[in-house]
C-alpha atoms as a PDB file:
ATOM      1  CA  MET A   1      -1.113  64.277  15.371  1.00  0.00           C
ATOM      2  CA  ILE A   2      -2.110  65.081  11.793  1.00  0.00           C
ATOM      3  CA  SER A   3      -3.107  62.035   9.721  1.00  0.00           C
ATOM      4  CA  ARG A   4      -1.220  61.042   6.591  1.00  0.00           C
ATOM      5  CA  GLU A   5      -4.443  61.333   4.596  1.00  0.00           C
ATOM      6  CA  SER A   6      -4.928  64.923   5.761  1.00  0.00           C
ATOM      7  CA  ILE A   7      -1.392  65.816   4.718  1.00  0.00           C
ATOM      8  CA  GLN A   8      -1.875  64.113   1.345  1.00  0.00           C
ATOM      9  CA  ARG A   9      -5.147  65.930   0.659  1.00  0.00           C
ATOM     10  CA  LEU A  10      -3.713  69.312   1.632  1.00  0.00           C
ATOM     11  CA  ASP A  11      -0.655  68.770  -0.556  1.00  0.00           C
ATOM     12  CA  LEU A  12      -2.886  67.793  -3.494  1.00  0.00           C
ATOM     13  CA  LEU A  13      -4.821  71.048  -3.011  1.00  0.00           C
ATOM     14  CA  LEU A  14      -1.585  73.030  -2.939  1.00  0.00           C
ATOM     15  CA  LEU A  15      -0.375  71.201  -6.037  1.00  0.00           C
ATOM     16  CA  ALA A  16      -3.622  72.134  -7.809  1.00  0.00           C
ATOM     17  CA  LEU A  17      -2.983  75.780  -6.922  1.00  0.00           C
ATOM     18  CA  GLU A  18       0.532  75.456  -8.323  1.00  0.00           C
ATOM     19  CA  THR A  19      -1.001  73.965 -11.456  1.00  0.00           C
ATOM     20  CA  ILE A  20      -3.169  77.049 -11.908  1.00  0.00           C
ATOM     21  CA  ASP A  21      -0.520  79.606 -10.901  1.00  0.00           C
ATOM     22  CA  LEU A  22       2.661  78.888 -12.851  1.00  0.00           C
ATOM     23  CA  ASN A  23       4.631  80.823 -10.207  1.00  0.00           C
ATOM     24  CA  GLY A  24       2.950  78.794  -7.477  1.00  0.00           C
ATOM     25  CA  ALA A  25       5.890  78.227  -5.131  1.00  0.00           C
ATOM     26  CA  GLU A  26       6.897  81.883  -5.234  1.00  0.00           C
ATOM     27  CA  SER A  27       3.287  83.007  -4.839  1.00  0.00           C
ATOM     28  CA  LEU A  28       2.804  80.774  -1.786  1.00  0.00           C
ATOM     29  CA  TYR A  29       5.875  82.198  -0.076  1.00  0.00           C
ATOM     30  CA  SER A  30       4.919  85.761  -0.969  1.00  0.00           C
ATOM     31  CA  LEU A  31       1.447  85.160   0.417  1.00  0.00           C
ATOM     32  CA  SER A  32       2.860  83.664   3.624  1.00  0.00           C
ATOM     33  CA  THR A  33       4.748  86.926   4.180  1.00  0.00           C
ATOM     34  CA  LYS A  34       1.589  88.991   3.560  1.00  0.00           C
ATOM     35  CA  LEU A  35      -0.307  86.810   6.066  1.00  0.00           C
ATOM     36  CA  ASN A  36       2.442  87.278   8.680  1.00  0.00           C
ATOM     37  CA  LEU A  37       3.227  83.571   8.828  1.00  0.00           C
ATOM     38  CA  ASN A  38       6.993  84.157   8.933  1.00  0.00           C
ATOM     39  CA  ASP A  39       7.314  82.612  12.408  1.00  0.00           C
ATOM     40  CA  VAL A  40       5.942  79.322  11.096  1.00  0.00           C
ATOM     41  CA  ILE A  41       7.010  79.582   7.439  1.00  0.00           C
ATOM     42  CA  PRO A  42      10.205  81.651   7.306  1.00  0.00           C
ATOM     43  CA  ASN A  43      11.171  80.672   3.736  1.00  0.00           C
ATOM     44  CA  LYS A  44      10.304  78.637   0.626  1.00  0.00           C
ATOM     45  CA  VAL A  45      12.362  75.690   1.835  1.00  0.00           C
ATOM     46  CA  THR A  46      10.123  75.383   4.885  1.00  0.00           C
ATOM     47  CA  ILE A  47       7.046  75.145   2.674  1.00  0.00           C
ATOM     48  CA  TRP A  48       8.781  72.449   0.631  1.00  0.00           C
ATOM     49  CA  LYS A  49       9.821  70.519   3.762  1.00  0.00           C
ATOM     50  CA  LEU A  50       6.310  70.664   5.197  1.00  0.00           C
ATOM     51  CA  ARG A  51       4.805  69.413   1.951  1.00  0.00           C
ATOM     52  CA  ASN A  52       7.313  66.556   1.866  1.00  0.00           C
ATOM     53  CA  ASN A  53       5.402  65.016   4.773  1.00  0.00           C
ATOM     54  CA  ASN A  54       3.092  63.712   2.043  1.00  0.00           C
ATOM     55  CA  PRO A  55       3.981  59.998   1.693  1.00  0.00           C
ATOM     56  CA  MET A  56       3.143  60.124  -2.028  1.00  0.00           C
ATOM     57  CA  ARG A  57       6.069  62.459  -2.722  1.00  0.00           C
ATOM     58  CA  ASN A  58       9.399  61.384  -4.195  1.00  0.00           C
ATOM     59  CA  SER A  59      11.198  63.269  -1.443  1.00  0.00           C
ATOM     60  CA  PHE A  60       9.000  62.000   1.407  1.00  0.00           C
ATOM     61  CA  ASN A  61      10.345  62.754   4.881  1.00  0.00           C
ATOM     62  CA  LYS A  62       8.425  61.515   7.856  1.00  0.00           C
ATOM     63  CA  ASN A  63       8.544  64.449  10.218  1.00  0.00           C
ATOM     64  CA  ASN A  64       5.747  65.144  12.602  1.00  0.00           C
ATOM     65  CA  ILE A  65       4.122  68.237  11.186  1.00  0.00           C
ATOM     66  CA  LYS A  66       2.906  70.506  13.962  1.00  0.00           C
ATOM     67  CA  LEU A  67      -0.672  71.751  14.082  1.00  0.00           C
ATOM     68  CA  GLU A  68       0.435  75.382  13.663  1.00  0.00           C
ATOM     69  CA  GLU A  69       2.421  74.409  10.531  1.00  0.00           C
ATOM     70  CA  PHE A  70      -0.535  72.483   9.137  1.00  0.00           C
ATOM     71  CA  GLU A  71      -2.852  75.421   9.842  1.00  0.00           C
ATOM     72  CA  ALA A  72      -0.410  77.814   8.165  1.00  0.00           C
ATOM     73  CA  LEU A  73      -0.546  75.671   5.009  1.00  0.00           C
ATOM     74  CA  ILE A  74      -4.357  75.677   5.215  1.00  0.00           C
ATOM     75  CA  LYS A  75      -4.338  79.493   5.460  1.00  0.00           C
ATOM     76  CA  LEU A  76      -2.104  79.660   2.405  1.00  0.00           C
ATOM     77  CA  THR A  77      -4.416  77.290   0.545  1.00  0.00           C
ATOM     78  CA  THR A  78      -7.581  79.241   1.309  1.00  0.00           C
ATOM     79  CA  GLU A  79      -6.062  82.646   0.586  1.00  0.00           C
ATOM     80  CA  MET A  80      -4.464  81.468  -2.643  1.00  0.00           C
ATOM     81  CA  ALA A  81      -7.781  79.882  -3.698  1.00  0.00           C
ATOM     82  CA  LYS A  82      -9.506  83.238  -3.135  1.00  0.00           C
ATOM     83  CA  PHE A  83      -6.923  84.937  -5.309  1.00  0.00           C
ATOM     84  CA  LEU A  84      -7.184  82.292  -8.042  1.00  0.00           C
ATOM     85  CA  TYR A  85     -10.959  81.853  -7.872  1.00  0.00           C
ATOM     86  CA  PRO A  86     -11.667  83.319 -11.346  1.00  0.00           C
ATOM     87  CA  TYR A  87      -9.405  80.631 -12.839  1.00  0.00           C
ATOM     88  CA  ILE A  88     -10.869  77.913 -10.616  1.00  0.00           C
ATOM     89  CA  ARG A  89     -14.345  78.888 -11.784  1.00  0.00           C
ATOM     90  CA  GLN A  90     -13.220  78.874 -15.417  1.00  0.00           C
ATOM     91  CA  ILE A  91     -11.813  75.339 -14.988  1.00  0.00           C
ATOM     92  CA  LEU A  92     -15.067  74.149 -13.394  1.00  0.00           C
ATOM     93  CA  GLN A  93     -17.154  75.698 -16.171  1.00  0.00           C
ATOM     94  CA  SER A  94     -14.919  74.101 -18.778  1.00  0.00           C
ATOM     95  CA  ARG A  95     -15.325  70.698 -17.081  1.00  0.00           C
ATOM     96  CA  ASP A  96     -19.102  71.135 -17.020  1.00  0.00           C
ATOM     97  CA  ASN A  97     -19.116  71.943 -20.728  1.00  0.00           C
ATOM     98  CA  LEU A  98     -16.571  69.540 -22.211  1.00  0.00           C
ATOM     99  CA  THR A  99     -18.230  69.369 -25.610  1.00  0.00           C
ATOM    100  CA  ARG A 100     -18.119  73.119 -26.257  1.00  0.00           C
ATOM    101  CA  ASN A 101     -15.135  74.355 -24.254  1.00  0.00           C
ATOM    102  CA  PRO A 102     -12.779  71.689 -22.874  1.00  0.00           C
ATOM    103  CA  LYS A 103      -9.630  73.836 -23.098  1.00  0.00           C
ATOM    104  CA  ALA A 104      -9.299  75.108 -19.502  1.00  0.00           C
ATOM    105  CA  TRP A 105     -10.158  71.708 -17.991  1.00  0.00           C
ATOM    106  CA  ASN A 106      -7.796  69.838 -20.309  1.00  0.00           C
ATOM    107  CA  GLU A 107      -4.947  72.284 -19.673  1.00  0.00           C
ATOM    108  CA  PHE A 108      -5.446  72.022 -15.907  1.00  0.00           C
ATOM    109  CA  LYS A 109      -5.648  68.237 -15.996  1.00  0.00           C
ATOM    110  CA  ASN A 110      -2.583  67.815 -18.233  1.00  0.00           C
ATOM    111  CA  ARG A 111      -0.442  70.169 -16.139  1.00  0.00           C
ATOM    112  CA  TYR A 112      -1.650  68.602 -12.881  1.00  0.00           C
ATOM    113  CA  ILE A 113      -0.728  65.130 -14.142  1.00  0.00           C
ATOM    114  CA  GLU A 114       2.642  66.472 -15.268  1.00  0.00           C
ATOM    115  CA  LEU A 115       3.348  67.877 -11.788  1.00  0.00           C
ATOM    116  CA  ILE A 116       2.245  64.636 -10.122  1.00  0.00           C
ATOM    117  CA  ARG A 117       4.617  62.632 -12.344  1.00  0.00           C
ATOM    118  CA  GLU A 118       7.422  65.078 -11.624  1.00  0.00           C
ATOM    119  CA  ARG A 119       7.046  65.271  -7.838  1.00  0.00           C
ATOM    120  CA  PHE A 120       5.336  62.104  -6.658  1.00  0.00           C
ATOM    121  CA  ASN A 121       6.450  58.491  -6.403  1.00  0.00           C
ATOM    122  CA  THR A 122       4.883  56.991  -9.521  1.00  0.00           C
ATOM    123  CA  ASN A 123       5.437  53.456  -8.155  1.00  0.00           C
ATOM    124  CA  SER A 124       2.960  54.123  -5.348  1.00  0.00           C
ATOM    125  CA  MET A 125      -0.515  52.636  -5.846  1.00  0.00           C
ATOM    126  CA  LYS A 126      -2.178  55.897  -4.739  1.00  0.00           C
ATOM    127  CA  VAL A 127      -0.184  57.851  -7.294  1.00  0.00           C
ATOM    128  CA  LYS A 128      -0.939  55.294 -10.004  1.00  0.00           C
ATOM    129  CA  ARG A 129      -4.663  55.812  -9.287  1.00  0.00           C
ATOM    130  CA  LEU A 130      -4.200  59.588  -9.597  1.00  0.00           C
ATOM    131  CA  LEU A 131      -2.567  59.074 -12.965  1.00  0.00           C
ATOM    132  CA  ASP A 132      -5.193  56.599 -14.205  1.00  0.00           C
ATOM    133  CA  PRO A 133      -7.345  58.384 -16.821  1.00  0.00           C
ATOM    134  CA  LYS A 134     -10.318  56.160 -15.956  1.00  0.00           C
ATOM    135  CA  SER A 135     -10.567  57.418 -12.388  1.00  0.00           C
ATOM    136  CA  ASN A 136      -8.650  60.667 -12.044  1.00  0.00           C
ATOM    137  CA  ASP A 137     -11.378  62.988 -13.379  1.00  0.00           C
ATOM    138  CA  GLU A 138     -13.472  62.338 -10.286  1.00  0.00           C
ATOM    139  CA  VAL A 139     -10.552  63.029  -7.930  1.00  0.00           C
ATOM    140  CA  PHE A 140      -9.479  66.156  -9.807  1.00  0.00           C
ATOM    141  CA  ILE A 141     -13.042  67.536  -9.766  1.00  0.00           C
ATOM    142  CA  LYS A 142     -13.212  67.014  -5.993  1.00  0.00           C
ATOM    143  CA  ILE A 143      -9.929  68.883  -5.591  1.00  0.00           C
ATOM    144  CA  ILE A 144     -11.097  71.834  -7.702  1.00  0.00           C
ATOM    145  CA  LEU A 145     -14.493  71.904  -5.951  1.00  0.00           C
ATOM    146  CA  THR A 146     -12.776  71.880  -2.560  1.00  0.00           C
ATOM    147  CA  LEU A 147     -10.708  74.892  -3.623  1.00  0.00           C
ATOM    148  CA  ALA A 148     -13.871  76.649  -4.808  1.00  0.00           C
ATOM    149  CA  PHE A 149     -15.654  75.981  -1.502  1.00  0.00           C
ATOM    150  CA  CYS A 150     -12.825  77.280   0.657  1.00  0.00           C
ATOM    151  CA  ILE A 151     -12.947  80.826  -0.728  1.00  0.00           C
ATOM    152  CA  SER A 152     -15.774  81.852   1.606  1.00  0.00           C
ATOM    153  CA  ASP A 153     -15.194  83.893   4.750  1.00  0.00           C
ATOM    154  CA  ASP A 154     -15.264  80.651   6.749  1.00  0.00           C
ATOM    155  CA  GLY A 155     -13.105  78.870   4.183  1.00  0.00           C
ATOM    156  CA  PHE A 156     -10.201  78.340   6.545  1.00  0.00           C
ATOM    157  CA  LEU A 157     -12.424  76.806   9.223  1.00  0.00           C
ATOM    158  CA  LYS A 158     -14.287  74.642   6.720  1.00  0.00           C
ATOM    159  CA  LEU A 159     -11.103  73.323   5.139  1.00  0.00           C
ATOM    160  CA  ARG A 160      -9.412  72.830   8.516  1.00  0.00           C
ATOM    161  CA  THR A 161     -12.390  70.876   9.825  1.00  0.00           C
ATOM    162  CA  THR A 162     -12.612  68.772   6.683  1.00  0.00           C
ATOM    163  CA  LEU A 163      -8.905  67.940   6.687  1.00  0.00           C
ATOM    164  CA  LEU A 164      -8.537  67.271  10.405  1.00  0.00           C
ATOM    165  CA  ASN A 165     -11.561  64.980  10.442  1.00  0.00           C
ATOM    166  CA  TYR A 166     -10.290  62.966   7.503  1.00  0.00           C
END
């Protein structure tokens, strides 16, 4: 069985990708078709239902996500991260140089917070911590760094191992 924490972390990674790609939901489905994941992810609604296994979501549904579904979402995450890597790198560089060029980091952070408020249960303590400006920078950096690390050839295996051992 996949842990709740693993599902939460994967959904946060996918949400970060949606933050970077304004057509995120459509891009994820399009990518799932290109990766021949139609047996596991036949449509956009399936992606949404799988992501709603995240207990932090407003529309949380406790379904037991199957390993093949979880792995399909990991494949989507790693492939989308590869595609969006130039933007991920730009966000990281902006974060490293906040005094001279904070624009990309600030735009990412503001949009990410906006999506969290829109889709997650803001009464949850975990969500409140994500929205807390005193502590969310550290979490957001970890999310962006994780996306940057999973673009390698072994990205799927690395991310899968990290998430399943969480």
